Amino acid sequence: MSSIYRDWDLNGIMLHYNRGCEGLSLNVAEVRLGLMEKGYPVMTFEGNCADPREFDETSTRARIDTFLESIGVIQK
């Protein structure tokens, strides 16, 4: 993931915790911590691919906006 961040000249990384599939989310927390230790801006958001009713769009949009503001991608 570090090479993707560098090679693609990213501003930050958003990781999805999929509550509907524990296998897909198994290492997300470890990946997040590893990226943060290297100084990469990271945010996580939760959802459930098996049940979209569990996705809180309003809260997620607010968190994404806050993250993008914090890394200077958008200004309020």
C-alpha atoms as a PDB file:
ATOM      1  CA  MET A   1       0.000   0.000   0.000  1.00  0.00           C
ATOM      2  CA  SER A   2       2.918   2.351   0.681  1.00  0.00           C
ATOM      3  CA  SER A   3       4.167   1.977  -2.890  1.00  0.00           C
ATOM      4  CA  ILE A   4       0.696   2.755  -4.258  1.00  0.00           C
ATOM      5  CA  TYR A   5       0.556   5.887  -2.102  1.00  0.00           C
ATOM      6  CA  ARG A   6       3.926   7.068  -3.424  1.00  0.00           C
ATOM      7  CA  ASP A   7       3.570   5.925  -7.047  1.00  0.00           C
ATOM      8  CA  TRP A   8       0.104   7.394  -7.498  1.00  0.00           C
ATOM      9  CA  ASP A   9       0.985  10.590  -5.596  1.00  0.00           C
ATOM     10  CA  LEU A  10      -2.016  10.224  -3.284  1.00  0.00           C
ATOM     11  CA  ASN A  11      -3.107  12.804  -0.719  1.00  0.00           C
ATOM     12  CA  GLY A  12      -4.625  10.265   1.667  1.00  0.00           C
ATOM     13  CA  ILE A  13      -6.086   6.792   2.020  1.00  0.00           C
ATOM     14  CA  MET A  14      -9.654   5.747   2.862  1.00  0.00           C
ATOM     15  CA  LEU A  15     -10.173   2.200   4.130  1.00  0.00           C
ATOM     16  CA  HIS A  16     -13.525   0.406   4.315  1.00  0.00           C
ATOM     17  CA  TYR A  17     -14.479  -1.795   7.267  1.00  0.00           C
ATOM     18  CA  ASN A  18     -16.995  -4.237   5.797  1.00  0.00           C
ATOM     19  CA  ARG A  19     -19.155  -5.421   8.688  1.00  0.00           C
ATOM     20  CA  GLY A  20     -20.834  -7.913   6.367  1.00  0.00           C
ATOM     21  CA  CYS A  21     -17.633  -9.848   5.708  1.00  0.00           C
ATOM     22  CA  GLU A  22     -15.160 -10.206   8.540  1.00  0.00           C
ATOM     23  CA  GLY A  23     -12.658 -11.864   6.208  1.00  0.00           C
ATOM     24  CA  LEU A  24     -12.382  -8.741   4.063  1.00  0.00           C
ATOM     25  CA  SER A  25     -11.904  -6.507   7.110  1.00  0.00           C
ATOM     26  CA  LEU A  26      -9.581  -8.797   9.021  1.00  0.00           C
ATOM     27  CA  ASN A  27      -6.409  -6.746   8.600  1.00  0.00           C
ATOM     28  CA  VAL A  28      -7.837  -3.278   7.988  1.00  0.00           C
ATOM     29  CA  ALA A  29      -6.943  -2.058  11.494  1.00  0.00           C
ATOM     30  CA  GLU A  30      -3.369  -3.321  11.188  1.00  0.00           C
ATOM     31  CA  VAL A  31      -2.990  -1.792   7.715  1.00  0.00           C
ATOM     32  CA  ARG A  32      -4.346   1.506   9.037  1.00  0.00           C
ATOM     33  CA  LEU A  33      -1.886   1.581  11.937  1.00  0.00           C
ATOM     34  CA  GLY A  34       1.037   0.658   9.690  1.00  0.00           C
ATOM     35  CA  LEU A  35       0.194   3.417   7.221  1.00  0.00           C
ATOM     36  CA  MET A  36      -0.253   5.962   9.996  1.00  0.00           C
ATOM     37  CA  GLU A  37       3.117   4.992  11.494  1.00  0.00           C
ATOM     38  CA  LYS A  38       4.674   5.848   8.117  1.00  0.00           C
ATOM     39  CA  GLY A  39       2.970   9.243   8.215  1.00  0.00           C
ATOM     40  CA  TYR A  40       0.247   8.638   5.639  1.00  0.00           C
ATOM     41  CA  PRO A  41      -3.130  10.299   6.275  1.00  0.00           C
ATOM     42  CA  VAL A  42      -5.708   7.540   6.720  1.00  0.00           C
ATOM     43  CA  MET A  43      -9.424   7.447   7.488  1.00  0.00           C
ATOM     44  CA  THR A  44     -11.747   4.488   7.877  1.00  0.00           C
ATOM     45  CA  PHE A  45     -15.448   4.144   7.290  1.00  0.00           C
ATOM     46  CA  GLU A  46     -17.872   1.335   8.001  1.00  0.00           C
ATOM     47  CA  GLY A  47     -20.448  -0.322   5.836  1.00  0.00           C
ATOM     48  CA  ASN A  48     -21.978  -3.689   5.119  1.00  0.00           C
ATOM     49  CA  CYS A  49     -21.958  -4.940   1.539  1.00  0.00           C
ATOM     50  CA  ALA A  50     -24.473  -7.616   2.540  1.00  0.00           C
ATOM     51  CA  ASP A  51     -26.939  -5.126   4.051  1.00  0.00           C
ATOM     52  CA  PRO A  52     -26.862  -1.541   2.748  1.00  0.00           C
ATOM     53  CA  ARG A  53     -29.320  -0.479   5.469  1.00  0.00           C
ATOM     54  CA  GLU A  54     -26.380  -0.471   7.894  1.00  0.00           C
ATOM     55  CA  PHE A  55     -24.580   2.255   5.922  1.00  0.00           C
ATOM     56  CA  ASP A  56     -24.937   5.718   7.443  1.00  0.00           C
ATOM     57  CA  GLU A  57     -24.498   7.937   4.391  1.00  0.00           C
ATOM     58  CA  THR A  58     -24.859  11.247   6.231  1.00  0.00           C
ATOM     59  CA  SER A  59     -22.256  10.392   8.844  1.00  0.00           C
ATOM     60  CA  THR A  60     -19.891   8.893   6.271  1.00  0.00           C
ATOM     61  CA  ARG A  61     -20.119  11.947   3.991  1.00  0.00           C
ATOM     62  CA  ALA A  62     -19.383  14.212   6.961  1.00  0.00           C
ATOM     63  CA  ARG A  63     -16.350  12.117   7.944  1.00  0.00           C
ATOM     64  CA  ILE A  64     -15.043  12.095   4.368  1.00  0.00           C
ATOM     65  CA  ASP A  65     -15.478  15.873   4.079  1.00  0.00           C
ATOM     66  CA  THR A  66     -13.633  16.375   7.367  1.00  0.00           C
ATOM     67  CA  PHE A  67     -10.833  14.066   6.227  1.00  0.00           C
ATOM     68  CA  LEU A  68     -10.499  15.812   2.855  1.00  0.00           C
ATOM     69  CA  GLU A  69     -10.381  19.193   4.590  1.00  0.00           C
ATOM     70  CA  SER A  70      -7.716  17.941   7.013  1.00  0.00           C
ATOM     71  CA  ILE A  71      -5.415  16.895   4.163  1.00  0.00           C
ATOM     72  CA  GLY A  72      -6.057  20.070   2.163  1.00  0.00           C
ATOM     73  CA  VAL A  73      -7.973  18.520  -0.720  1.00  0.00           C
ATOM     74  CA  ILE A  74     -11.066  20.669  -0.175  1.00  0.00           C
ATOM     75  CA  GLN A  75     -11.648  23.890   1.681  1.00  0.00           C
ATOM     76  CA  LYS A  76     -14.750  24.796   3.604  1.00  0.00           C
END
